[in-house]
Amino acid sequence: MGDGLGEAGAAGRSGAPLAGRSRYFSTVGNFIFSTVGKSVQRKGENLPWIKKEYRIKNFIYVERTFSTRYGKGWVCRNPNEKETSEKAARVNDRRKIKYMGLLANANFGEGDYFVTYTFKRELRPACLDDCREIWRKYLRKLRDAYKKAGQPFKYMWCIESENCAMHIHMLFNSDVPLRSLPPWPYGNPKIELLDDRKWHSIGEYISKENHRKKRDGEQAHTKKTMGTSRNLIRPQPKVTVLVSGRWPEKPRAPKGYYLDESSLENVVYENTFNGAMFPCQTCRFIKKE
């Protein structure tokens, strides 16, 4: 479940995190947090303000936020007893989008394949289950082609069917020439090669189909519509405990990097457990040439 932060309707990008409204107090053995008129008191725990830093290839992804669980160690979860709330679902979606973006950029780069597999009208699968079965068989053929060439097979894929004709997106490594890949017998796939930009948004795009959506009376995420290979590099953050929830509106870039200003977000989130509001900042630093 993570840190239990939900999106606030009044979330903004003004920058200054709750200036004048959020104050930090500390006493011996106790930590008291005053947040928009609500207080959370904890005894004997680590400070909940943290910075997560992901160092991947040519960039650094940084997130400064509040965490209700950092420092608690491993916790055994009870079985789900009720449906996930809309606020919690939005939190899960946001985390999934962020992580899939990191995953894609950690494993794929210039020249790798991004292919959209479409279906001719007369060959379209009747339902999502049929599409998954078709894709399972084709994915096996792709694995065999890479194995025959003696190359690792890294990939991310998703089935997209919401408000459109059913199709499949796949991002995978280009260590095997296109002419050696098995043909797609259901239509004409659209093949694109990743360019040389520092950050690609394809990972976020692939994850969007796994968001919480209604389809024929059931949740889309109850059926597998997205997958990755097991051999991908899984980004792990370096976590630093912060002394407070105050930080510069525009962070300073580490030596040898510059701030990607299009990635900078200063927003306010709602804690889904107690309704308190907390600031969060995310950004990317790109390595200089």
Protein backbone atom coordinates (compact mmCIF):
# COMPACT_ATOMS: atom_id res chain seq x y z
CA MET A 1 0.00 0.00 0.00
CA GLY A 2 2.98 2.33 0.45
CA ASP A 3 2.77 5.66 2.19
CA GLY A 4 -1.00 6.19 2.04
CA LEU A 5 -1.00 9.51 0.20
CA GLY A 6 -4.02 10.39 -1.90
CA GLU A 7 -4.51 13.23 -4.34
CA ALA A 8 -6.14 16.38 -3.02
CA GLY A 9 -8.76 18.14 -5.06
CA ALA A 10 -6.98 21.39 -4.35
CA ALA A 11 -3.61 20.05 -5.45
CA GLY A 12 -1.59 22.80 -7.03
CA ARG A 13 1.77 23.47 -8.60
CA SER A 14 2.42 26.79 -6.92
CA GLY A 15 5.71 25.57 -5.50
CA ALA A 16 6.02 26.65 -1.85
CA PRO A 17 4.92 23.58 0.12
CA LEU A 18 2.21 24.78 2.49
CA ALA A 19 4.22 27.85 3.46
CA GLY A 20 2.89 29.33 6.68
CA ARG A 21 0.50 26.39 7.14
CA SER A 22 2.72 23.38 7.82
CA ARG A 23 5.10 23.52 10.79
CA TYR A 24 7.47 20.93 12.18
CA PHE A 25 8.02 20.29 15.89
CA SER A 26 10.19 17.74 17.68
CA THR A 27 10.57 16.66 21.29
CA VAL A 28 12.60 13.95 23.00
CA GLY A 29 11.23 10.57 21.91
CA ASN A 30 8.24 12.19 20.16
CA PHE A 31 7.62 13.73 16.77
CA ILE A 32 4.62 15.97 16.33
CA PHE A 33 3.53 17.17 12.90
CA SER A 34 1.15 20.09 12.43
CA THR A 35 -0.46 19.92 9.00
CA VAL A 36 -3.30 22.20 7.96
CA GLY A 37 -4.93 22.15 11.35
CA LYS A 38 -4.47 18.40 11.87
CA SER A 39 -1.77 16.82 14.02
CA VAL A 40 -0.18 13.41 13.92
CA GLN A 41 1.89 12.36 16.94
CA ARG A 42 4.26 9.41 16.85
CA LYS A 43 6.62 7.95 19.46
CA GLY A 44 9.98 6.31 18.80
CA GLU A 45 9.68 6.36 14.98
CA ASN A 46 11.85 7.75 12.21
CA LEU A 47 10.96 11.10 10.74
CA PRO A 48 8.31 10.61 8.04
CA TRP A 49 9.66 13.25 5.62
CA ILE A 50 11.82 11.41 3.10
CA LYS A 51 13.68 11.91 -0.16
CA LYS A 52 13.78 9.07 -2.69
CA GLU A 53 16.59 9.27 -5.24
CA TYR A 54 16.77 6.98 -8.26
CA ARG A 55 20.08 7.08 -10.18
CA ILE A 56 19.58 5.50 -13.60
CA LYS A 57 21.82 5.83 -16.65
CA ASN A 58 21.94 9.52 -17.57
CA PHE A 59 19.43 10.94 -15.11
CA ILE A 60 18.44 11.18 -11.46
CA TYR A 61 14.78 11.04 -10.43
CA VAL A 62 14.04 12.67 -7.07
CA GLU A 63 10.88 12.58 -4.98
CA ARG A 64 10.44 14.47 -1.70
CA THR A 65 7.35 13.47 0.19
CA PHE A 66 5.71 12.38 3.44
CA SER A 67 5.63 8.68 4.34
CA THR A 68 3.51 7.08 7.06
CA ARG A 69 5.35 3.76 6.83
CA TYR A 70 9.05 4.49 6.40
CA GLY A 71 11.05 3.04 9.31
CA LYS A 72 8.40 0.53 10.37
CA GLY A 73 10.18 -2.43 8.81
CA TRP A 74 8.40 -5.36 7.24
CA VAL A 75 4.68 -5.51 7.90
CA CYS A 76 2.48 -8.53 7.13
CA ARG A 77 -0.65 -7.43 5.30
CA ASN A 78 -4.04 -8.88 6.06
CA PRO A 79 -6.13 -10.18 3.15
CA ASN A 80 -8.20 -7.53 1.37
CA GLU A 81 -11.58 -7.24 3.03
CA LYS A 82 -13.17 -4.49 0.97
CA GLU A 83 -12.85 -2.81 -2.40
CA THR A 84 -10.08 -0.26 -2.85
CA SER A 85 -11.38 3.30 -2.42
CA GLU A 86 -11.20 5.79 -5.29
CA LYS A 87 -8.58 7.86 -3.45
CA ALA A 88 -6.39 4.81 -2.82
CA ALA A 89 -6.85 3.73 -6.44
CA ARG A 90 -5.56 7.11 -7.66
CA VAL A 91 -2.54 6.71 -5.39
CA ASN A 92 -1.85 3.27 -6.84
CA ASP A 93 -2.23 4.60 -10.39
CA ARG A 94 0.18 7.45 -9.72
CA ARG A 95 2.78 5.10 -8.27
CA LYS A 96 2.40 2.66 -11.15
CA ILE A 97 2.88 5.41 -13.75
CA LYS A 98 5.98 6.70 -11.99
CA TYR A 99 7.56 3.28 -11.58
CA MET A 100 6.82 2.13 -15.14
CA GLY A 101 8.46 5.30 -16.45
CA LEU A 102 11.56 4.56 -14.40
CA LEU A 103 11.54 0.92 -15.47
CA ALA A 104 11.36 1.79 -19.16
CA ASN A 105 14.16 4.35 -19.01
CA ALA A 106 16.39 2.05 -16.96
CA ASN A 107 16.21 -0.73 -19.54
CA PHE A 108 15.59 0.77 -22.97
CA GLY A 109 17.16 3.49 -25.05
CA GLU A 110 18.00 4.74 -28.53
CA GLY A 111 17.28 2.21 -31.28
CA ASP A 112 15.06 -0.13 -29.25
CA TYR A 113 11.71 -1.21 -30.69
CA PHE A 114 8.30 0.21 -29.82
CA VAL A 115 5.73 -1.80 -31.78
CA THR A 116 1.95 -1.49 -31.93
CA TYR A 117 0.28 -4.73 -32.94
CA THR A 118 -3.15 -4.15 -34.48
CA PHE A 119 -5.87 -6.49 -35.72
CA LYS A 120 -7.66 -6.51 -39.05
CA ARG A 121 -11.38 -6.02 -38.60
CA GLU A 122 -12.22 -9.61 -39.50
CA LEU A 123 -9.47 -10.98 -37.22
CA ARG A 124 -10.19 -8.97 -34.09
CA PRO A 125 -10.52 -11.05 -30.92
CA ALA A 126 -14.03 -11.28 -29.51
CA CYS A 127 -12.97 -10.49 -25.94
CA LEU A 128 -10.02 -9.62 -23.76
CA ASP A 129 -9.42 -13.28 -22.85
CA ASP A 130 -9.07 -14.20 -26.54
CA CYS A 131 -6.64 -11.33 -27.06
CA ARG A 132 -4.53 -12.43 -24.10
CA GLU A 133 -4.34 -15.97 -25.47
CA ILE A 134 -3.28 -14.72 -28.92
CA TRP A 135 -0.63 -12.55 -27.32
CA ARG A 136 0.65 -15.32 -25.06
CA LYS A 137 1.34 -17.54 -28.08
CA TYR A 138 3.01 -14.76 -30.08
CA LEU A 139 5.16 -13.74 -27.12
CA ARG A 140 6.44 -17.32 -26.93
CA LYS A 141 7.51 -17.08 -30.59
CA LEU A 142 9.37 -13.85 -29.87
CA ARG A 143 11.20 -15.49 -26.96
CA ASP A 144 12.22 -18.37 -29.21
CA ALA A 145 13.60 -15.95 -31.82
CA TYR A 146 15.78 -14.18 -29.25
CA LYS A 147 16.90 -17.47 -27.74
CA LYS A 148 17.88 -18.77 -31.17
CA ALA A 149 19.94 -15.62 -31.77
CA GLY A 150 21.61 -15.98 -28.36
CA GLN A 151 20.32 -12.60 -27.17
CA PRO A 152 18.49 -11.58 -23.97
CA PHE A 153 14.84 -10.66 -24.42
CA LYS A 154 13.69 -7.65 -22.41
CA TYR A 155 10.21 -6.27 -22.86
CA MET A 156 7.19 -4.36 -21.54
CA TRP A 157 3.73 -4.70 -23.04
CA CYS A 158 0.10 -3.73 -22.55
CA ILE A 159 -3.22 -4.54 -24.18
CA GLU A 160 -5.27 -1.43 -24.87
CA SER A 161 -9.01 -1.73 -25.45
CA GLU A 162 -10.64 1.22 -23.70
CA ASN A 163 -12.71 3.30 -26.19
CA CYS A 164 -10.71 1.99 -29.17
CA ALA A 165 -10.15 -1.09 -31.30
CA MET A 166 -8.19 -3.66 -29.32
CA HIS A 167 -4.42 -3.50 -29.91
CA ILE A 168 -1.16 -4.26 -28.13
CA HIS A 169 1.82 -2.00 -27.40
CA MET A 170 5.23 -3.52 -26.79
CA LEU A 171 8.62 -2.03 -25.95
CA PHE A 172 11.58 -4.40 -26.33
CA ASN A 173 15.31 -4.49 -26.97
CA SER A 174 16.60 -4.39 -30.55
CA ASP A 175 19.38 -7.00 -30.25
CA VAL A 176 17.64 -9.11 -32.91
CA PRO A 177 17.02 -7.62 -36.42
CA LEU A 178 13.40 -7.03 -37.38
CA ARG A 179 13.68 -9.43 -40.30
CA SER A 180 14.41 -12.25 -37.85
CA LEU A 181 11.29 -11.67 -35.77
CA PRO A 182 8.18 -13.84 -36.31
CA PRO A 183 5.48 -12.23 -38.50
CA TRP A 184 2.31 -10.87 -36.91
CA PRO A 185 -0.50 -12.63 -38.80
CA TYR A 186 -3.41 -10.48 -37.58
CA GLY A 187 -2.60 -7.13 -39.15
CA ASN A 188 0.12 -4.64 -39.98
CA PRO A 189 2.19 -3.72 -36.91
CA LYS A 190 3.45 -0.17 -36.55
CA ILE A 191 7.18 -0.23 -35.81
CA GLU A 192 8.99 2.73 -34.25
CA LEU A 193 12.54 3.09 -32.96
CA LEU A 194 13.31 5.05 -29.80
CA ASP A 195 15.21 8.26 -30.50
CA ASP A 196 18.17 9.70 -28.61
CA ARG A 197 16.27 11.80 -26.07
CA LYS A 198 17.34 11.50 -22.44
CA TRP A 199 13.91 10.58 -21.09
CA HIS A 200 11.14 8.66 -22.85
CA SER A 201 7.51 8.72 -21.67
CA ILE A 202 6.62 5.35 -23.21
CA GLY A 203 6.69 3.60 -19.83
CA GLU A 204 3.99 5.91 -18.49
CA TYR A 205 1.99 5.42 -21.69
CA ILE A 206 2.15 1.63 -21.41
CA SER A 207 0.93 1.70 -17.81
CA LYS A 208 -2.17 3.78 -18.49
CA GLU A 209 -4.32 0.79 -19.48
CA ASN A 210 -3.82 -0.78 -16.07
CA HIS A 211 -5.49 2.16 -14.35
CA ARG A 212 -8.73 1.66 -12.50
CA LYS A 213 -11.39 1.70 -15.22
CA LYS A 214 -14.78 0.13 -15.56
CA ARG A 215 -15.23 -2.33 -18.41
CA ASP A 216 -18.39 -4.37 -18.83
CA GLY A 217 -19.21 -4.07 -15.15
CA GLU A 218 -15.84 -5.21 -13.80
CA GLN A 219 -12.54 -3.56 -12.97
CA ALA A 220 -9.99 -3.61 -15.78
CA HIS A 221 -7.20 -4.44 -13.38
CA THR A 222 -8.81 -7.77 -12.43
CA LYS A 223 -7.54 -9.18 -15.73
CA LYS A 224 -3.90 -8.96 -16.73
CA THR A 225 -3.51 -6.33 -19.43
CA MET A 226 0.15 -5.46 -18.86
CA GLY A 227 3.39 -7.36 -18.33
CA THR A 228 7.18 -7.16 -18.21
CA SER A 229 10.02 -9.64 -18.55
CA ARG A 230 11.70 -10.88 -15.38
CA ASN A 231 15.20 -9.86 -16.47
CA LEU A 232 14.59 -6.09 -16.37
CA ILE A 233 16.69 -3.87 -14.13
CA ARG A 234 14.38 -2.88 -11.26
CA PRO A 235 15.23 0.65 -10.04
CA GLN A 236 15.70 0.91 -6.29
CA PRO A 237 15.79 4.29 -4.53
CA LYS A 238 18.28 5.65 -2.05
CA VAL A 239 16.09 6.91 0.81
CA THR A 240 17.15 9.88 2.93
CA VAL A 241 15.20 11.06 5.99
CA LEU A 242 14.56 14.82 5.89
CA VAL A 243 14.32 17.11 8.90
CA SER A 244 11.13 18.81 7.69
CA GLY A 245 8.59 19.13 4.91
CA ARG A 246 10.10 22.37 3.61
CA TRP A 247 12.33 22.50 0.54
CA PRO A 248 13.18 24.97 -2.25
CA GLU A 249 10.54 25.47 -4.90
CA LYS A 250 13.27 24.93 -7.51
CA PRO A 251 15.83 22.33 -6.34
CA ARG A 252 19.53 22.70 -7.03
CA ALA A 253 20.97 20.23 -9.53
CA PRO A 254 23.83 17.94 -8.43
CA LYS A 255 27.25 18.59 -9.96
CA GLY A 256 27.38 17.43 -13.57
CA TYR A 257 23.57 17.49 -13.97
CA TYR A 258 20.93 20.05 -14.91
CA LEU A 259 17.28 20.29 -13.86
CA ASP A 260 14.71 19.18 -16.43
CA GLU A 261 12.21 21.93 -15.64
CA SER A 262 9.41 20.19 -17.55
CA SER A 263 9.56 17.41 -14.93
CA LEU A 264 9.39 19.65 -11.86
CA GLU A 265 6.15 19.30 -9.89
CA ASN A 266 5.29 20.87 -6.53
CA VAL A 267 1.92 19.44 -5.53
CA VAL A 268 -0.17 18.81 -2.43
CA TYR A 269 -1.52 15.36 -1.57
CA GLU A 270 -4.07 14.14 0.92
CA ASN A 271 -3.28 11.39 3.42
CA THR A 272 -6.03 8.83 2.83
CA PHE A 273 -5.94 7.70 6.48
CA ASN A 274 -6.58 11.00 8.27
CA GLY A 275 -7.31 13.59 5.54
CA ALA A 276 -4.25 15.73 6.35
CA MET A 277 -2.57 17.60 3.48
CA PHE A 278 1.13 17.14 2.68
CA PRO A 279 3.47 18.61 0.06
CA CYS A 280 5.31 16.52 -2.49
CA GLN A 281 7.99 17.46 -5.01
CA THR A 282 9.21 15.38 -7.95
CA CYS A 283 11.80 16.22 -10.60
CA ARG A 284 14.47 14.82 -12.90
CA PHE A 285 18.08 15.84 -13.25
CA ILE A 286 19.70 15.10 -16.61
CA LYS A 287 23.41 14.39 -16.96
CA LYS A 288 25.33 17.03 -18.90
CA GLU A 289 27.07 16.05 -22.11
